[in-house]
């Protein structure tokens, strides 16, 4: 997986050691006024897809964590926390535009819990491979949507940071996979 998941140079300016970036009251704003219906449709579809993907990532990590006090679990907890931030980023943007998350997202919740449980039963190597697979899918979604959707500047910056985090997760899981 290494070659196709390397972080593009333009994404290097995001500090991926920040797990949960600071957000202030003034960062919340109502969006979408004066935008064309076509532009809004693209933004909505992108945010709904990313929200669903981030929900799945949160659940996969959540259900892979065991009660064992280990560095491996610490990495999973950190990734889960970071993915929760991404989920909130997408959810906040949906509400800022006047939309809501998909009502059928519980289906993806069940699917992701199943992936997590099966990978957890199969061990660390399967957990890491599942993480790499999920994060690679996320990176691809972010890349496609950042190229094809006319985002407002604030939303674009949030999504670029989230994508940079996903590249960081892939790198971390690939490094850990070498030790298993």
N, C-alpha and C. Protein backbone atom coordinates (compact mmCIF):
# COMPACT_ATOMS: atom_id res chain seq x y z
N UNK A 1 0.81 -1.21 0.00
CA UNK A 1 0.00 0.00 0.00
C UNK A 1 0.85 1.27 0.00
N UNK A 2 2.09 1.18 0.44
CA UNK A 2 2.92 2.34 0.70
C UNK A 2 2.94 3.40 -0.37
N UNK A 3 3.17 3.04 -1.62
CA UNK A 3 3.35 4.05 -2.66
C UNK A 3 2.10 4.85 -2.97
N UNK A 4 0.93 4.24 -2.92
CA UNK A 4 -0.27 4.98 -3.30
C UNK A 4 -0.91 5.71 -2.14
N UNK A 5 -0.31 5.64 -0.96
CA UNK A 5 -0.90 6.33 0.19
C UNK A 5 0.04 7.37 0.78
N UNK A 6 1.14 7.67 0.10
CA UNK A 6 2.03 8.69 0.62
C UNK A 6 1.35 10.04 0.56
N UNK A 7 1.62 10.84 1.57
CA UNK A 7 1.00 12.15 1.67
C UNK A 7 1.50 13.06 0.55
N UNK A 8 0.57 13.66 -0.21
CA UNK A 8 0.99 14.60 -1.25
C UNK A 8 1.69 15.80 -0.61
N UNK A 9 2.68 16.38 -1.30
CA UNK A 9 3.43 17.51 -0.73
C UNK A 9 2.54 18.67 -0.30
N UNK A 10 1.46 18.94 -1.03
CA UNK A 10 0.61 20.09 -0.67
C UNK A 10 -0.15 19.88 0.63
N UNK A 11 -0.18 18.66 1.15
CA UNK A 11 -0.90 18.39 2.40
C UNK A 11 0.02 18.45 3.62
N UNK A 12 1.31 18.70 3.41
CA UNK A 12 2.29 18.64 4.48
C UNK A 12 2.17 19.81 5.46
N UNK A 13 1.44 20.85 5.12
CA UNK A 13 1.39 22.01 6.00
C UNK A 13 0.37 21.86 7.14
N UNK A 14 -0.28 20.73 7.26
CA UNK A 14 -1.21 20.48 8.35
C UNK A 14 -0.51 19.69 9.45
N UNK A 15 -0.66 20.13 10.68
CA UNK A 15 -0.03 19.45 11.81
C UNK A 15 -0.93 18.31 12.25
N UNK A 16 -0.58 17.10 11.83
CA UNK A 16 -1.42 15.94 12.14
C UNK A 16 -1.19 15.42 13.55
N UNK A 17 -0.25 16.05 14.30
CA UNK A 17 -0.11 15.67 15.70
C UNK A 17 -1.23 16.29 16.54
N UNK A 18 -1.95 17.24 15.97
CA UNK A 18 -3.12 17.83 16.65
C UNK A 18 -4.30 16.91 16.38
N UNK A 19 -4.76 16.25 17.42
CA UNK A 19 -5.82 15.25 17.29
C UNK A 19 -7.19 15.91 17.20
N UNK A 20 -7.38 16.96 17.97
CA UNK A 20 -8.67 17.65 18.02
C UNK A 20 -8.39 19.16 17.97
N UNK A 21 -8.45 19.75 16.76
CA UNK A 21 -8.17 21.18 16.64
C UNK A 21 -9.16 22.04 17.43
N UNK A 22 -8.67 23.17 17.88
CA UNK A 22 -9.51 24.11 18.62
C UNK A 22 -10.59 24.68 17.70
N UNK A 23 -11.77 24.86 18.28
CA UNK A 23 -12.88 25.45 17.54
C UNK A 23 -13.53 26.49 18.45
N UNK A 24 -13.81 27.64 17.90
CA UNK A 24 -14.40 28.74 18.69
C UNK A 24 -15.83 29.02 18.22
N UNK A 25 -16.56 29.73 19.05
CA UNK A 25 -17.95 30.08 18.75
C UNK A 25 -18.06 30.74 17.38
N UNK A 26 -17.14 31.65 17.09
CA UNK A 26 -17.20 32.38 15.82
C UNK A 26 -16.90 31.51 14.60
N UNK A 27 -16.41 30.28 14.83
CA UNK A 27 -16.14 29.37 13.71
C UNK A 27 -17.43 28.78 13.14
N UNK A 28 -18.51 28.83 13.91
CA UNK A 28 -19.80 28.32 13.44
C UNK A 28 -20.51 29.45 12.70
N UNK A 29 -20.93 29.17 11.48
CA UNK A 29 -21.62 30.17 10.69
C UNK A 29 -22.63 29.48 9.79
N UNK A 30 -23.68 30.17 9.46
CA UNK A 30 -24.67 29.63 8.54
C UNK A 30 -24.13 29.78 7.12
N UNK A 31 -24.23 28.73 6.35
CA UNK A 31 -23.62 28.69 5.03
C UNK A 31 -24.65 28.42 3.94
N UNK A 32 -24.26 28.67 2.72
CA UNK A 32 -25.05 28.27 1.57
C UNK A 32 -25.89 29.37 0.95
N UNK A 33 -26.08 30.48 1.65
CA UNK A 33 -26.90 31.55 1.08
C UNK A 33 -26.24 32.10 -0.18
N UNK A 34 -27.03 32.22 -1.22
CA UNK A 34 -26.53 32.77 -2.48
C UNK A 34 -25.81 31.77 -3.36
N UNK A 35 -25.72 30.53 -2.93
CA UNK A 35 -25.07 29.50 -3.76
C UNK A 35 -26.10 28.87 -4.69
N UNK A 36 -25.62 28.44 -5.84
CA UNK A 36 -26.52 27.80 -6.81
C UNK A 36 -26.96 26.44 -6.29
N UNK A 37 -28.15 25.99 -6.71
CA UNK A 37 -28.61 24.65 -6.31
C UNK A 37 -27.64 23.54 -6.71
N UNK A 38 -26.97 23.68 -7.86
CA UNK A 38 -26.02 22.65 -8.30
C UNK A 38 -24.83 22.58 -7.35
N UNK A 39 -24.33 23.74 -6.96
CA UNK A 39 -23.20 23.78 -6.02
C UNK A 39 -23.60 23.19 -4.68
N UNK A 40 -24.77 23.57 -4.19
CA UNK A 40 -25.26 23.05 -2.90
C UNK A 40 -25.46 21.53 -2.96
N UNK A 41 -25.94 21.03 -4.09
CA UNK A 41 -26.14 19.59 -4.22
C UNK A 41 -24.82 18.84 -4.08
N UNK A 42 -23.78 19.35 -4.73
CA UNK A 42 -22.46 18.73 -4.63
C UNK A 42 -21.92 18.75 -3.21
N UNK A 43 -22.06 19.89 -2.56
CA UNK A 43 -21.59 20.02 -1.18
C UNK A 43 -22.35 19.06 -0.27
N UNK A 44 -23.65 19.01 -0.42
CA UNK A 44 -24.46 18.13 0.42
C UNK A 44 -24.07 16.67 0.23
N UNK A 45 -23.98 16.24 -1.04
CA UNK A 45 -23.60 14.84 -1.30
C UNK A 45 -22.23 14.52 -0.74
N UNK A 46 -21.29 15.43 -0.89
CA UNK A 46 -19.95 15.23 -0.36
C UNK A 46 -19.94 15.12 1.15
N UNK A 47 -20.63 16.04 1.82
CA UNK A 47 -20.67 16.02 3.29
C UNK A 47 -21.37 14.78 3.82
N UNK A 48 -22.46 14.37 3.16
CA UNK A 48 -23.16 13.16 3.62
C UNK A 48 -22.28 11.92 3.47
N UNK A 49 -21.57 11.83 2.36
CA UNK A 49 -20.68 10.68 2.14
C UNK A 49 -19.55 10.67 3.16
N UNK A 50 -18.93 11.83 3.37
CA UNK A 50 -17.82 11.91 4.33
C UNK A 50 -18.30 11.66 5.75
N UNK A 51 -19.48 12.17 6.10
CA UNK A 51 -20.04 11.93 7.43
C UNK A 51 -20.23 10.43 7.66
N UNK A 52 -20.75 9.74 6.68
CA UNK A 52 -20.95 8.30 6.78
C UNK A 52 -19.62 7.56 6.91
N UNK A 53 -18.65 7.96 6.10
CA UNK A 53 -17.33 7.32 6.15
C UNK A 53 -16.67 7.53 7.51
N UNK A 54 -16.81 8.73 8.05
CA UNK A 54 -16.20 9.02 9.35
C UNK A 54 -16.92 8.28 10.48
N UNK A 55 -18.22 8.13 10.36
CA UNK A 55 -18.98 7.33 11.34
C UNK A 55 -18.45 5.90 11.36
N UNK A 56 -18.22 5.37 10.18
CA UNK A 56 -17.71 4.00 10.09
C UNK A 56 -16.31 3.91 10.70
N UNK A 57 -15.46 4.89 10.43
CA UNK A 57 -14.10 4.87 10.98
C UNK A 57 -14.12 4.93 12.51
N UNK A 58 -14.95 5.80 13.06
CA UNK A 58 -15.08 5.90 14.52
C UNK A 58 -15.46 4.54 15.10
N UNK A 59 -16.46 3.92 14.52
CA UNK A 59 -16.94 2.64 15.06
C UNK A 59 -15.94 1.52 14.88
N UNK A 60 -15.25 1.51 13.78
CA UNK A 60 -14.25 0.46 13.58
C UNK A 60 -13.20 0.55 14.68
N UNK A 61 -12.67 1.74 14.91
CA UNK A 61 -11.66 1.87 15.97
C UNK A 61 -12.26 1.59 17.34
N UNK A 62 -13.45 2.08 17.57
CA UNK A 62 -14.08 1.89 18.88
C UNK A 62 -14.24 0.40 19.22
N UNK A 63 -14.65 -0.38 18.25
CA UNK A 63 -14.89 -1.80 18.51
C UNK A 63 -13.62 -2.65 18.39
N UNK A 64 -12.53 -2.06 17.96
CA UNK A 64 -11.25 -2.78 17.94
C UNK A 64 -10.49 -2.63 19.25
N UNK A 65 -10.81 -1.62 20.02
CA UNK A 65 -10.10 -1.34 21.27
C UNK A 65 -10.47 -2.41 22.30
N UNK A 66 -9.44 -2.92 22.97
CA UNK A 66 -9.66 -3.88 24.05
C UNK A 66 -9.39 -3.20 25.39
N UNK A 67 -9.56 -3.92 26.48
CA UNK A 67 -9.29 -3.37 27.80
C UNK A 67 -7.81 -3.49 28.18
N UNK A 68 -7.02 -4.11 27.33
CA UNK A 68 -5.59 -4.29 27.60
C UNK A 68 -4.87 -2.93 27.63
N UNK A 69 -4.11 -2.65 28.69
CA UNK A 69 -3.35 -1.39 28.73
C UNK A 69 -2.09 -1.49 27.86
N UNK A 70 -2.23 -1.17 26.58
CA UNK A 70 -1.12 -1.35 25.65
C UNK A 70 -0.95 -0.11 24.77
N UNK A 71 0.24 0.01 24.22
CA UNK A 71 0.52 1.09 23.28
C UNK A 71 -0.37 0.97 22.05
N UNK A 72 -0.65 -0.27 21.64
CA UNK A 72 -1.51 -0.50 20.49
C UNK A 72 -2.91 0.09 20.73
N UNK A 73 -3.47 -0.17 21.91
CA UNK A 73 -4.77 0.40 22.24
C UNK A 73 -4.70 1.92 22.32
N UNK A 74 -3.59 2.44 22.79
CA UNK A 74 -3.42 3.90 22.83
C UNK A 74 -3.50 4.48 21.41
N UNK A 75 -2.88 3.80 20.46
CA UNK A 75 -2.95 4.25 19.05
C UNK A 75 -4.40 4.19 18.54
N UNK A 76 -5.10 3.11 18.87
CA UNK A 76 -6.50 2.98 18.43
C UNK A 76 -7.38 4.05 19.06
N UNK A 77 -7.16 4.35 20.32
CA UNK A 77 -7.94 5.38 21.01
C UNK A 77 -7.68 6.75 20.39
N UNK A 78 -6.41 7.02 20.10
CA UNK A 78 -6.05 8.29 19.46
C UNK A 78 -6.73 8.42 18.09
N UNK A 79 -6.67 7.34 17.31
CA UNK A 79 -7.31 7.35 15.99
C UNK A 79 -8.81 7.53 16.12
N UNK A 80 -9.43 6.85 17.09
CA UNK A 80 -10.88 6.99 17.29
C UNK A 80 -11.23 8.43 17.64
N UNK A 81 -10.46 9.03 18.53
CA UNK A 81 -10.71 10.42 18.92
C UNK A 81 -10.60 11.35 17.71
N UNK A 82 -9.56 11.14 16.91
CA UNK A 82 -9.37 11.97 15.73
C UNK A 82 -10.51 11.80 14.74
N UNK A 83 -10.96 10.55 14.56
CA UNK A 83 -12.08 10.29 13.66
C UNK A 83 -13.38 10.89 14.20
N UNK A 84 -13.53 10.92 15.52
CA UNK A 84 -14.70 11.57 16.11
C UNK A 84 -14.70 13.06 15.77
N UNK A 85 -13.52 13.66 15.73
CA UNK A 85 -13.40 15.06 15.33
C UNK A 85 -13.84 15.23 13.88
N UNK A 86 -13.40 14.33 13.02
CA UNK A 86 -13.80 14.40 11.61
C UNK A 86 -15.32 14.24 11.46
N UNK A 87 -15.88 13.31 12.21
CA UNK A 87 -17.32 13.10 12.19
C UNK A 87 -18.05 14.38 12.60
N UNK A 88 -17.55 15.01 13.68
CA UNK A 88 -18.15 16.26 14.13
C UNK A 88 -17.96 17.37 13.10
N UNK A 89 -16.80 17.40 12.45
CA UNK A 89 -16.57 18.41 11.41
C UNK A 89 -17.64 18.31 10.33
N UNK A 90 -17.88 17.10 9.86
CA UNK A 90 -18.88 16.91 8.80
C UNK A 90 -20.29 17.21 9.30
N UNK A 91 -20.57 16.80 10.51
CA UNK A 91 -21.91 17.02 11.06
C UNK A 91 -22.17 18.51 11.26
N UNK A 92 -21.19 19.22 11.78
CA UNK A 92 -21.34 20.67 11.96
C UNK A 92 -21.58 21.34 10.61
N UNK A 93 -20.79 20.97 9.61
CA UNK A 93 -20.96 21.57 8.28
C UNK A 93 -22.33 21.25 7.70
N UNK A 94 -22.81 20.03 7.89
CA UNK A 94 -24.17 19.70 7.42
C UNK A 94 -25.19 20.65 8.05
N UNK A 95 -25.10 20.82 9.36
CA UNK A 95 -26.06 21.70 10.05
C UNK A 95 -25.89 23.17 9.67
N UNK A 96 -24.65 23.60 9.45
CA UNK A 96 -24.43 24.98 9.02
C UNK A 96 -25.12 25.26 7.68
N UNK A 97 -25.18 24.27 6.84
CA UNK A 97 -25.86 24.42 5.55
C UNK A 97 -27.36 24.18 5.64
N UNK A 98 -27.83 23.77 6.81
CA UNK A 98 -29.26 23.53 6.99
C UNK A 98 -29.69 22.10 6.71
N UNK A 99 -28.74 21.18 6.66
CA UNK A 99 -29.03 19.78 6.38
C UNK A 99 -28.82 18.92 7.62
N UNK A 100 -29.17 17.66 7.52
CA UNK A 100 -28.99 16.71 8.62
C UNK A 100 -28.30 15.46 8.10
N UNK A 101 -27.67 14.71 9.01
CA UNK A 101 -27.05 13.44 8.59
C UNK A 101 -28.09 12.48 8.03
N UNK A 102 -27.62 11.52 7.28
CA UNK A 102 -28.47 10.51 6.67
C UNK A 102 -29.21 9.72 7.75
N UNK A 103 -30.51 9.56 7.59
CA UNK A 103 -31.31 8.82 8.57
C UNK A 103 -30.98 7.34 8.61
N UNK A 104 -30.40 6.83 7.54
CA UNK A 104 -30.07 5.40 7.47
C UNK A 104 -28.63 5.11 7.90
N UNK A 105 -27.98 6.07 8.56
CA UNK A 105 -26.58 5.88 8.94
C UNK A 105 -26.38 4.73 9.92
N UNK A 106 -27.43 4.32 10.60
CA UNK A 106 -27.33 3.20 11.54
C UNK A 106 -26.92 1.91 10.82
N UNK A 107 -27.27 1.82 9.54
CA UNK A 107 -26.86 0.63 8.76
C UNK A 107 -25.33 0.59 8.66
N UNK A 108 -24.72 1.74 8.36
CA UNK A 108 -23.27 1.81 8.28
C UNK A 108 -22.63 1.59 9.65
N UNK A 109 -23.32 1.99 10.69
CA UNK A 109 -22.85 1.76 12.05
C UNK A 109 -22.75 0.25 12.28
N UNK A 110 -23.78 -0.50 11.89
CA UNK A 110 -23.77 -1.96 12.05
C UNK A 110 -22.68 -2.62 11.21
N UNK A 111 -22.55 -2.18 9.97
CA UNK A 111 -21.53 -2.74 9.08
C UNK A 111 -20.14 -2.50 9.65
N UNK A 112 -19.88 -1.29 10.11
CA UNK A 112 -18.55 -0.97 10.64
C UNK A 112 -18.28 -1.73 11.94
N UNK A 113 -19.28 -1.91 12.78
CA UNK A 113 -19.10 -2.70 14.00
C UNK A 113 -18.75 -4.14 13.65
N UNK A 114 -19.35 -4.66 12.61
CA UNK A 114 -19.06 -6.03 12.16
C UNK A 114 -17.63 -6.14 11.65
N UNK A 115 -17.21 -5.19 10.79
CA UNK A 115 -15.82 -5.18 10.32
C UNK A 115 -14.85 -5.16 11.49
N UNK A 116 -15.14 -4.30 12.44
CA UNK A 116 -14.24 -4.14 13.59
C UNK A 116 -14.17 -5.41 14.42
N UNK A 117 -15.30 -5.98 14.67
CA UNK A 117 -15.35 -7.19 15.52
C UNK A 117 -14.59 -8.34 14.86
N UNK A 118 -14.81 -8.52 13.57
CA UNK A 118 -14.13 -9.60 12.85
C UNK A 118 -12.62 -9.36 12.83
N UNK A 119 -12.21 -8.13 12.55
CA UNK A 119 -10.77 -7.84 12.52
C UNK A 119 -10.16 -8.01 13.91
N UNK A 120 -10.87 -7.63 14.92
CA UNK A 120 -10.37 -7.79 16.30
C UNK A 120 -10.18 -9.27 16.64
N UNK A 121 -11.11 -10.10 16.22
CA UNK A 121 -10.99 -11.54 16.45
C UNK A 121 -9.77 -12.12 15.73
N UNK A 122 -9.43 -11.55 14.59
CA UNK A 122 -8.33 -12.07 13.78
C UNK A 122 -6.97 -11.55 14.22
N UNK A 123 -6.93 -10.54 15.09
CA UNK A 123 -5.66 -10.07 15.65
C UNK A 123 -5.16 -8.75 15.11
N UNK A 124 -3.99 -8.35 15.63
CA UNK A 124 -3.42 -7.04 15.33
C UNK A 124 -3.18 -6.80 13.83
N UNK A 125 -2.68 -7.82 13.16
CA UNK A 125 -2.41 -7.65 11.72
C UNK A 125 -3.70 -7.34 10.97
N UNK A 126 -4.77 -8.03 11.29
CA UNK A 126 -6.06 -7.78 10.64
C UNK A 126 -6.60 -6.40 11.02
N UNK A 127 -6.41 -6.01 12.27
CA UNK A 127 -6.84 -4.67 12.71
C UNK A 127 -6.11 -3.60 11.91
N UNK A 128 -4.80 -3.76 11.78
CA UNK A 128 -4.01 -2.77 11.04
C UNK A 128 -4.38 -2.76 9.56
N UNK A 129 -4.56 -3.92 8.97
CA UNK A 129 -4.96 -3.97 7.55
C UNK A 129 -6.34 -3.37 7.34
N UNK A 130 -7.24 -3.57 8.28
CA UNK A 130 -8.57 -2.96 8.20
C UNK A 130 -8.44 -1.44 8.28
N UNK A 131 -7.60 -0.97 9.20
CA UNK A 131 -7.37 0.47 9.32
C UNK A 131 -6.81 1.07 8.05
N UNK A 132 -5.83 0.41 7.46
CA UNK A 132 -5.23 0.90 6.21
C UNK A 132 -6.28 0.92 5.10
N UNK A 133 -7.09 -0.11 5.01
CA UNK A 133 -8.13 -0.18 3.99
C UNK A 133 -9.15 0.96 4.16
N UNK A 134 -9.62 1.14 5.40
CA UNK A 134 -10.63 2.18 5.67
C UNK A 134 -10.06 3.57 5.41
N UNK A 135 -8.85 3.81 5.88
CA UNK A 135 -8.25 5.14 5.70
C UNK A 135 -7.92 5.42 4.24
N UNK A 136 -7.53 4.40 3.50
CA UNK A 136 -7.27 4.58 2.07
C UNK A 136 -8.56 4.96 1.34
N UNK A 137 -9.67 4.32 1.72
CA UNK A 137 -10.97 4.69 1.15
C UNK A 137 -11.29 6.15 1.48
N UNK A 138 -11.04 6.54 2.72
CA UNK A 138 -11.32 7.92 3.15
C UNK A 138 -10.47 8.91 2.36
N UNK A 139 -9.19 8.64 2.23
CA UNK A 139 -8.29 9.52 1.48
C UNK A 139 -8.79 9.70 0.05
N UNK A 140 -9.23 8.61 -0.55
CA UNK A 140 -9.74 8.67 -1.92
C UNK A 140 -11.00 9.53 -2.01
N UNK A 141 -11.91 9.34 -1.05
CA UNK A 141 -13.12 10.18 -1.03
C UNK A 141 -12.76 11.65 -0.88
N UNK A 142 -11.90 11.94 0.10
CA UNK A 142 -11.50 13.34 0.30
C UNK A 142 -10.86 13.91 -0.96
N UNK A 143 -9.96 13.15 -1.56
CA UNK A 143 -9.27 13.64 -2.76
C UNK A 143 -10.26 13.93 -3.88
N UNK A 144 -11.16 12.99 -4.14
CA UNK A 144 -12.16 13.19 -5.20
C UNK A 144 -13.04 14.40 -4.91
N UNK A 145 -13.51 14.51 -3.68
CA UNK A 145 -14.42 15.60 -3.35
C UNK A 145 -13.71 16.95 -3.32
N UNK A 146 -12.46 16.98 -2.87
CA UNK A 146 -11.73 18.25 -2.86
C UNK A 146 -11.45 18.73 -4.28
N UNK A 147 -11.33 17.80 -5.22
CA UNK A 147 -11.08 18.16 -6.62
C UNK A 147 -12.36 18.55 -7.35
N UNK A 148 -13.49 17.91 -7.02
CA UNK A 148 -14.68 18.05 -7.86
C UNK A 148 -15.79 18.92 -7.27
N UNK A 149 -15.72 19.24 -5.99
CA UNK A 149 -16.79 20.02 -5.37
C UNK A 149 -16.30 21.43 -5.10
N UNK A 150 -17.16 22.39 -5.37
CA UNK A 150 -16.84 23.80 -5.14
C UNK A 150 -17.19 24.17 -3.70
N UNK A 151 -16.28 23.84 -2.76
CA UNK A 151 -16.50 24.09 -1.34
C UNK A 151 -16.30 25.56 -1.01
N UNK A 152 -16.92 26.02 0.07
CA UNK A 152 -16.56 27.33 0.59
C UNK A 152 -15.18 27.18 1.24
N UNK A 153 -14.45 28.27 1.39
CA UNK A 153 -13.06 28.21 1.85
C UNK A 153 -12.91 27.58 3.23
N UNK A 154 -13.78 27.92 4.17
CA UNK A 154 -13.67 27.37 5.53
C UNK A 154 -13.88 25.86 5.54
N UNK A 155 -14.87 25.39 4.82
CA UNK A 155 -15.14 23.95 4.77
C UNK A 155 -13.99 23.23 4.09
N UNK A 156 -13.47 23.79 3.02
CA UNK A 156 -12.33 23.18 2.32
C UNK A 156 -11.15 23.01 3.27
N UNK A 157 -10.83 24.02 4.06
CA UNK A 157 -9.70 23.93 4.99
C UNK A 157 -9.91 22.82 6.01
N UNK A 158 -11.12 22.70 6.52
CA UNK A 158 -11.42 21.65 7.50
C UNK A 158 -11.24 20.28 6.85
N UNK A 159 -11.76 20.12 5.65
CA UNK A 159 -11.67 18.83 4.96
C UNK A 159 -10.23 18.50 4.56
N UNK A 160 -9.44 19.49 4.20
CA UNK A 160 -8.03 19.24 3.89
C UNK A 160 -7.28 18.77 5.14
N UNK A 161 -7.56 19.37 6.28
CA UNK A 161 -6.93 18.92 7.54
C UNK A 161 -7.36 17.50 7.86
N UNK A 162 -8.65 17.21 7.69
CA UNK A 162 -9.14 15.85 7.96
C UNK A 162 -8.46 14.84 7.04
N UNK A 163 -8.30 15.20 5.77
CA UNK A 163 -7.63 14.30 4.84
C UNK A 163 -6.17 14.09 5.25
N UNK A 164 -5.49 15.16 5.66
CA UNK A 164 -4.10 15.03 6.11
C UNK A 164 -4.02 14.06 7.29
N UNK A 165 -4.98 14.15 8.21
CA UNK A 165 -5.03 13.21 9.33
C UNK A 165 -5.15 11.77 8.85
N UNK A 166 -5.97 11.55 7.83
CA UNK A 166 -6.18 10.20 7.30
C UNK A 166 -4.86 9.65 6.73
N UNK A 167 -4.11 10.50 6.03
CA UNK A 167 -2.80 10.07 5.55
C UNK A 167 -1.91 9.68 6.74
N UNK A 168 -2.00 10.44 7.82
CA UNK A 168 -1.23 10.13 9.02
C UNK A 168 -1.60 8.79 9.61
N UNK A 169 -2.89 8.47 9.61
CA UNK A 169 -3.34 7.18 10.13
C UNK A 169 -2.76 6.04 9.28
N UNK A 170 -2.81 6.21 7.97
CA UNK A 170 -2.28 5.18 7.08
C UNK A 170 -0.79 4.95 7.39
N UNK A 171 -0.04 6.04 7.50
CA UNK A 171 1.39 5.92 7.78
C UNK A 171 1.64 5.21 9.11
N UNK A 172 0.87 5.57 10.12
CA UNK A 172 1.03 4.95 11.43
C UNK A 172 0.72 3.46 11.36
N UNK A 173 -0.39 3.09 10.71
CA UNK A 173 -0.76 1.67 10.63
C UNK A 173 0.26 0.89 9.80
N UNK A 174 0.77 1.49 8.72
CA UNK A 174 1.78 0.80 7.91
C UNK A 174 3.05 0.56 8.71
N UNK A 175 3.47 1.54 9.51
CA UNK A 175 4.67 1.37 10.34
C UNK A 175 4.44 0.29 11.40
N UNK A 176 3.28 0.31 12.04
CA UNK A 176 2.99 -0.70 13.05
C UNK A 176 2.89 -2.09 12.43
N UNK A 177 2.36 -2.17 11.21
CA UNK A 177 2.23 -3.46 10.53
C UNK A 177 3.59 -4.13 10.33
N UNK A 178 4.63 -3.33 10.13
CA UNK A 178 5.99 -3.86 9.96
C UNK A 178 6.49 -4.54 11.24
N UNK A 179 5.90 -4.21 12.38
CA UNK A 179 6.36 -4.77 13.66
C UNK A 179 5.54 -5.96 14.13
N UNK A 180 4.47 -6.27 13.41
CA UNK A 180 3.58 -7.37 13.84
C UNK A 180 4.00 -8.68 13.18
